[in-house]
PDB file of N, CA and C in Angstrom:
ATOM      1  N   MET A   1     -27.695 -21.577  -3.857  1.00  0.00           N
ATOM      2  CA  MET A   1     -27.049 -20.641  -4.743  1.00  0.00           C
ATOM      3  C   MET A   1     -27.045 -21.219  -6.155  1.00  0.00           C
ATOM      4  N   ASP A   2     -27.490 -20.463  -7.076  1.00  0.00           N
ATOM      5  CA  ASP A   2     -27.490 -20.973  -8.438  1.00  0.00           C
ATOM      6  C   ASP A   2     -26.152 -20.673  -9.125  1.00  0.00           C
ATOM      7  N   HIS A   3     -26.058 -21.148 -10.334  1.00  0.00           N
ATOM      8  CA  HIS A   3     -24.796 -21.046 -11.073  1.00  0.00           C
ATOM      9  C   HIS A   3     -24.388 -19.596 -11.321  1.00  0.00           C
ATOM     10  N   LYS A   4     -25.351 -18.754 -11.650  1.00  0.00           N
ATOM     11  CA  LYS A   4     -25.038 -17.345 -11.938  1.00  0.00           C
ATOM     12  C   LYS A   4     -24.500 -16.629 -10.700  1.00  0.00           C
ATOM     13  N   GLN A   5     -25.063 -16.884  -9.541  1.00  0.00           N
ATOM     14  CA  GLN A   5     -24.590 -16.257  -8.317  1.00  0.00           C
ATOM     15  C   GLN A   5     -23.172 -16.712  -7.975  1.00  0.00           C
ATOM     16  N   LYS A   6     -22.905 -18.011  -8.170  1.00  0.00           N
ATOM     17  CA  LYS A   6     -21.556 -18.533  -7.914  1.00  0.00           C
ATOM     18  C   LYS A   6     -20.537 -17.879  -8.843  1.00  0.00           C
ATOM     19  N   LYS A   7     -20.939 -17.751 -10.106  1.00  0.00           N
ATOM     20  CA  LYS A   7     -20.041 -17.152 -11.082  1.00  0.00           C
ATOM     21  C   LYS A   7     -19.775 -15.686 -10.749  1.00  0.00           C
ATOM     22  N   ASP A   8     -20.828 -14.952 -10.368  1.00  0.00           N
ATOM     23  CA  ASP A   8     -20.665 -13.553  -9.984  1.00  0.00           C
ATOM     24  C   ASP A   8     -19.780 -13.408  -8.754  1.00  0.00           C
ATOM     25  N   MET A   9     -19.958 -14.300  -7.778  1.00  0.00           N
ATOM     26  CA  MET A   9     -19.151 -14.267  -6.563  1.00  0.00           C
ATOM     27  C   MET A   9     -17.687 -14.559  -6.888  1.00  0.00           C
ATOM     28  N   GLN A  10     -17.471 -15.525  -7.769  1.00  0.00           N
ATOM     29  CA  GLN A  10     -16.104 -15.871  -8.153  1.00  0.00           C
ATOM     30  C   GLN A  10     -15.437 -14.697  -8.871  1.00  0.00           C
ATOM     31  N   LYS A  11     -16.170 -14.036  -9.753  1.00  0.00           N
ATOM     32  CA  LYS A  11     -15.614 -12.874 -10.459  1.00  0.00           C
ATOM     33  C   LYS A  11     -15.275 -11.750  -9.485  1.00  0.00           C
ATOM     34  N   ALA A  12     -16.137 -11.550  -8.500  1.00  0.00           N
ATOM     35  CA  ALA A  12     -15.890 -10.497  -7.516  1.00  0.00           C
ATOM     36  C   ALA A  12     -14.635 -10.793  -6.707  1.00  0.00           C
ATOM     37  N   THR A  13     -14.471 -12.044  -6.288  1.00  0.00           N
ATOM     38  CA  THR A  13     -13.271 -12.387  -5.519  1.00  0.00           C
ATOM     39  C   THR A  13     -12.021 -12.284  -6.382  1.00  0.00           C
ATOM     40  N   GLU A  14     -12.137 -12.647  -7.659  1.00  0.00           N
ATOM     41  CA  GLU A  14     -10.990 -12.518  -8.558  1.00  0.00           C
ATOM     42  C   GLU A  14     -10.609 -11.048  -8.739  1.00  0.00           C
ATOM     43  N   ARG A  15     -11.608 -10.176  -8.879  1.00  0.00           N
ATOM     44  CA  ARG A  15     -11.321  -8.746  -9.014  1.00  0.00           C
ATOM     45  C   ARG A  15     -10.656  -8.195  -7.757  1.00  0.00           C
ATOM     46  N   LYS A  16     -11.129  -8.626  -6.586  1.00  0.00           N
ATOM     47  CA  LYS A  16     -10.512  -8.179  -5.341  1.00  0.00           C
ATOM     48  C   LYS A  16      -9.054  -8.624  -5.274  1.00  0.00           C
ATOM     49  N   GLN A  17      -8.802  -9.865  -5.645  1.00  0.00           N
ATOM     50  CA  GLN A  17      -7.432 -10.389  -5.616  1.00  0.00           C
ATOM     51  C   GLN A  17      -6.548  -9.641  -6.608  1.00  0.00           C
ATOM     52  N   GLU A  18      -7.079  -9.360  -7.800  1.00  0.00           N
ATOM     53  CA  GLU A  18      -6.307  -8.612  -8.796  1.00  0.00           C
ATOM     54  C   GLU A  18      -5.979  -7.206  -8.292  1.00  0.00           C
ATOM     55  N   ASN A  19      -6.947  -6.572  -7.641  1.00  0.00           N
ATOM     56  CA  ASN A  19      -6.700  -5.240  -7.092  1.00  0.00           C
ATOM     57  C   ASN A  19      -5.633  -5.276  -6.007  1.00  0.00           C
ATOM     58  N   LYS A  20      -5.672  -6.309  -5.149  1.00  0.00           N
ATOM     59  CA  LYS A  20      -4.652  -6.443  -4.104  1.00  0.00           C
ATOM     60  C   LYS A  20      -3.277  -6.627  -4.729  1.00  0.00           C
ATOM     61  N   ASN A  21      -3.207  -7.502  -5.730  1.00  0.00           N
ATOM     62  CA  ASN A  21      -1.927  -7.750  -6.386  1.00  0.00           C
ATOM     63  C   ASN A  21      -1.403  -6.497  -7.085  1.00  0.00           C
ATOM     64  N   LYS A  22      -2.318  -5.751  -7.697  1.00  0.00           N
ATOM     65  CA  LYS A  22      -1.918  -4.522  -8.384  1.00  0.00           C
ATOM     66  C   LYS A  22      -1.379  -3.499  -7.395  1.00  0.00           C
ATOM     67  N   LYS A  23      -2.071  -3.343  -6.264  1.00  0.00           N
ATOM     68  CA  LYS A  23      -1.607  -2.400  -5.246  1.00  0.00           C
ATOM     69  C   LYS A  23      -0.258  -2.831  -4.679  1.00  0.00           C
ATOM     70  N   LYS A  24      -0.096  -4.130  -4.466  1.00  0.00           N
ATOM     71  CA  LYS A  24       1.161  -4.632  -3.930  1.00  0.00           C
ATOM     72  C   LYS A  24       2.308  -4.379  -4.903  1.00  0.00           C
ATOM     73  N   SER A  25       2.069  -4.624  -6.190  1.00  0.00           N
ATOM     74  CA  SER A  25       3.131  -4.405  -7.173  1.00  0.00           C
ATOM     75  C   SER A  25       3.437  -2.912  -7.302  1.00  0.00           C
ATOM     76  N   GLU A  26       2.426  -2.062  -7.169  1.00  0.00           N
ATOM     77  CA  GLU A  26       2.672  -0.617  -7.207  1.00  0.00           C
ATOM     78  C   GLU A  26       3.514  -0.182  -6.019  1.00  0.00           C
ATOM     79  N   LYS A  27       3.254  -0.754  -4.849  1.00  0.00           N
ATOM     80  CA  LYS A  27       4.057  -0.415  -3.666  1.00  0.00           C
ATOM     81  C   LYS A  27       5.506  -0.833  -3.862  1.00  0.00           C
ATOM     82  N   VAL A  28       5.702  -2.021  -4.424  1.00  0.00           N
ATOM     83  CA  VAL A  28       7.066  -2.503  -4.658  1.00  0.00           C
ATOM     84  C   VAL A  28       7.781  -1.588  -5.646  1.00  0.00           C
ATOM     85  N   GLN A  29       7.086  -1.170  -6.699  1.00  0.00           N
ATOM     86  CA  GLN A  29       7.696  -0.271  -7.681  1.00  0.00           C
ATOM     87  C   GLN A  29       8.009   1.080  -7.066  1.00  0.00           C
ATOM     88  N   ASP A  30       7.102   1.584  -6.225  1.00  0.00           N
ATOM     89  CA  ASP A  30       7.351   2.868  -5.563  1.00  0.00           C
ATOM     90  C   ASP A  30       8.566   2.789  -4.646  1.00  0.00           C
ATOM     91  N   LEU A  31       8.693   1.681  -3.911  1.00  0.00           N
ATOM     92  CA  LEU A  31       9.854   1.512  -3.032  1.00  0.00           C
ATOM     93  C   LEU A  31      11.144   1.426  -3.842  1.00  0.00           C
ATOM     94  N   ALA A  32      11.089   0.727  -4.960  1.00  0.00           N
ATOM     95  CA  ALA A  32      12.279   0.611  -5.807  1.00  0.00           C
ATOM     96  C   ALA A  32      12.673   1.962  -6.378  1.00  0.00           C
ATOM     97  N   GLN A  33      11.694   2.761  -6.778  1.00  0.00           N
ATOM     98  CA  GLN A  33      12.002   4.080  -7.313  1.00  0.00           C
ATOM     99  C   GLN A  33      12.529   5.002  -6.221  1.00  0.00           C
ATOM    100  N   ALA A  34      11.992   4.877  -5.020  1.00  0.00           N
ATOM    101  CA  ALA A  34      12.450   5.730  -3.924  1.00  0.00           C
ATOM    102  C   ALA A  34      13.877   5.362  -3.521  1.00  0.00           C
ATOM    103  N   LYS A  35      14.192   4.078  -3.583  1.00  0.00           N
ATOM    104  CA  LYS A  35      15.527   3.625  -3.203  1.00  0.00           C
ATOM    105  C   LYS A  35      16.564   4.092  -4.220  1.00  0.00           C
ATOM    106  N   GLY A  36      16.190   4.087  -5.470  1.00  0.00           N
ATOM    107  CA  GLY A  36      17.122   4.524  -6.502  1.00  0.00           C
ATOM    108  C   GLY A  36      18.103   3.425  -6.870  1.00  0.00           C
ATOM    109  N   THR A  37      19.007   3.765  -7.755  1.00  0.00           N
ATOM    110  CA  THR A  37      20.003   2.788  -8.186  1.00  0.00           C
ATOM    111  C   THR A  37      21.334   3.106  -7.525  1.00  0.00           C
ATOM    112  N   ARG A  38      22.079   2.078  -7.268  1.00  0.00           N
ATOM    113  CA  ARG A  38      23.401   2.266  -6.678  1.00  0.00           C
ATOM    114  C   ARG A  38      24.425   2.406  -7.794  1.00  0.00           C
ATOM    115  N   VAL A  39      25.353   3.301  -7.581  1.00  0.00           N
ATOM    116  CA  VAL A  39      26.399   3.536  -8.567  1.00  0.00           C
ATOM    117  C   VAL A  39      27.725   3.130  -7.951  1.00  0.00           C
ATOM    118  N   ILE A  40      28.436   2.246  -8.645  1.00  0.00           N
ATOM    119  CA  ILE A  40      29.767   1.850  -8.190  1.00  0.00           C
ATOM    120  C   ILE A  40      30.754   2.769  -8.885  1.00  0.00           C
ATOM    121  N   ARG A  41      31.456   3.513  -8.103  1.00  0.00           N
ATOM    122  CA  ARG A  41      32.380   4.484  -8.677  1.00  0.00           C
ATOM    123  C   ARG A  41      33.686   3.796  -9.082  1.00  0.00           C
ATOM    124  N   PRO A  42      34.285   4.216 -10.175  1.00  0.00           N
ATOM    125  CA  PRO A  42      35.515   3.586 -10.670  1.00  0.00           C
ATOM    126  C   PRO A  42      36.678   3.668  -9.677  1.00  0.00           C
ATOM    127  N   LEU A  43      36.653   4.650  -8.792  1.00  0.00           N
ATOM    128  CA  LEU A  43      37.729   4.776  -7.816  1.00  0.00           C
ATOM    129  C   LEU A  43      37.835   3.534  -6.945  1.00  0.00           C
ATOM    130  N   TRP A  44      36.701   2.934  -6.600  1.00  0.00           N
ATOM    131  CA  TRP A  44      36.736   1.726  -5.759  1.00  0.00           C
ATOM    132  C   TRP A  44      37.400   0.566  -6.482  1.00  0.00           C
ATOM    133  N   PHE A  45      37.231   0.477  -7.798  1.00  0.00           N
ATOM    134  CA  PHE A  45      37.921  -0.563  -8.551  1.00  0.00           C
ATOM    135  C   PHE A  45      39.427  -0.326  -8.508  1.00  0.00           C
ATOM    136  N   ALA A  46      39.838   0.914  -8.607  1.00  0.00           N
ATOM    137  CA  ALA A  46      41.264   1.241  -8.552  1.00  0.00           C
ATOM    138  C   ALA A  46      41.838   0.905  -7.178  1.00  0.00           C
ATOM    139  N   VAL A  47      41.125   1.236  -6.125  1.00  0.00           N
ATOM    140  CA  VAL A  47      41.593   0.942  -4.766  1.00  0.00           C
ATOM    141  C   VAL A  47      41.691  -0.561  -4.556  1.00  0.00           C
ATOM    142  N   ALA A  48      40.659  -1.290  -4.970  1.00  0.00           N
ATOM    143  CA  ALA A  48      40.680  -2.751  -4.806  1.00  0.00           C
ATOM    144  C   ALA A  48      41.805  -3.370  -5.630  1.00  0.00           C
ATOM    145  N   GLY A  49      42.016  -2.879  -6.848  1.00  0.00           N
ATOM    146  CA  GLY A  49      43.095  -3.389  -7.684  1.00  0.00           C
ATOM    147  C   GLY A  49      44.466  -3.107  -7.089  1.00  0.00           C
ATOM    148  N   PHE A  50      44.631  -1.918  -6.525  1.00  0.00           N
ATOM    149  CA  PHE A  50      45.902  -1.568  -5.896  1.00  0.00           C
ATOM    150  C   PHE A  50      46.182  -2.478  -4.704  1.00  0.00           C
ATOM    151  N   ILE A  51      45.188  -2.682  -3.870  1.00  0.00           N
ATOM    152  CA  ILE A  51      45.365  -3.544  -2.696  1.00  0.00           C
ATOM    153  C   ILE A  51      45.693  -4.969  -3.118  1.00  0.00           C
ATOM    154  N   LEU A  52      44.984  -5.487  -4.104  1.00  0.00           N
ATOM    155  CA  LEU A  52      45.263  -6.846  -4.563  1.00  0.00           C
ATOM    156  C   LEU A  52      46.648  -6.966  -5.187  1.00  0.00           C
ATOM    157  N   SER A  53      47.054  -5.976  -5.954  1.00  0.00           N
ATOM    158  CA  SER A  53      48.379  -6.047  -6.573  1.00  0.00           C
ATOM    159  C   SER A  53      49.490  -5.931  -5.533  1.00  0.00           C
ATOM    160  N   MET A  54      49.323  -5.078  -4.534  1.00  0.00           N
ATOM    161  CA  MET A  54      50.332  -4.967  -3.475  1.00  0.00           C
ATOM    162  C   MET A  54      50.414  -6.258  -2.664  1.00  0.00           C
ATOM    163  N   THR A  55      49.282  -6.851  -2.400  1.00  0.00           N
ATOM    164  CA  THR A  55      49.275  -8.130  -1.667  1.00  0.00           C
ATOM    165  C   THR A  55      50.002  -9.198  -2.470  1.00  0.00           C
ATOM    166  N   ALA A  56      49.724  -9.271  -3.758  1.00  0.00           N
ATOM    167  CA  ALA A  56      50.392 -10.265  -4.609  1.00  0.00           C
ATOM    168  C   ALA A  56      51.887  -9.988  -4.701  1.00  0.00           C
ATOM    169  N   LEU A  57      52.271  -8.731  -4.794  1.00  0.00           N
ATOM    170  CA  LEU A  57      53.682  -8.373  -4.883  1.00  0.00           C
ATOM    171  C   LEU A  57      54.421  -8.724  -3.600  1.00  0.00           C
ATOM    172  N   LEU A  58      53.853  -8.378  -2.452  1.00  0.00           N
ATOM    173  CA  LEU A  58      54.485  -8.710  -1.179  1.00  0.00           C
ATOM    174  C   LEU A  58      54.553 -10.220  -0.962  1.00  0.00           C
ATOM    175  N   TYR A  59      53.531 -10.928  -1.361  1.00  0.00           N
ATOM    176  CA  TYR A  59      53.546 -12.389  -1.257  1.00  0.00           C
ATOM    177  C   TYR A  59      54.671 -12.962  -2.119  1.00  0.00           C
ATOM    178  N   TRP A  60      54.825 -12.422  -3.303  1.00  0.00           N
ATOM    179  CA  TRP A  60      55.850 -12.920  -4.228  1.00  0.00           C
ATOM    180  C   TRP A  60      57.265 -12.629  -3.704  1.00  0.00           C
ATOM    181  N   PHE A  61      57.463 -11.428  -3.113  1.00  0.00           N
ATOM    182  CA  PHE A  61      58.781 -11.064  -2.594  1.00  0.00           C
ATOM    183  C   PHE A  61      59.173 -11.874  -1.365  1.00  0.00           C
ATOM    184  N   PHE A  62      58.263 -12.038  -0.430  1.00  0.00           N
ATOM    185  CA  PHE A  62      58.640 -12.593   0.875  1.00  0.00           C
ATOM    186  C   PHE A  62      58.433 -14.095   1.008  1.00  0.00           C
ATOM    187  N   LEU A  63      57.581 -14.674   0.209  1.00  0.00           N
ATOM    188  CA  LEU A  63      57.328 -16.091   0.377  1.00  0.00           C
ATOM    189  C   LEU A  63      57.924 -16.948  -0.715  1.00  0.00           C
ATOM    190  N   LEU A  64      58.427 -16.340  -1.758  1.00  0.00           N
ATOM    191  CA  LEU A  64      59.047 -17.145  -2.814  1.00  0.00           C
ATOM    192  C   LEU A  64      60.529 -17.018  -2.841  1.00  0.00           C
TER     193      LEU A  64
END
């Protein structure tokens, strides 16, 4: 195999690898878009805050 054939073969394998990587990244992006973004609703912060404050209040009343 001469130098030109080796170089052509290397370029072909690099192009194949780039195409695989491109397809893989497109699949990942498609999955991310299909999944969508999660939204944390403010009500959950209020519920968590209420529970934590009641726990702290009861701890303060009964253990101190």
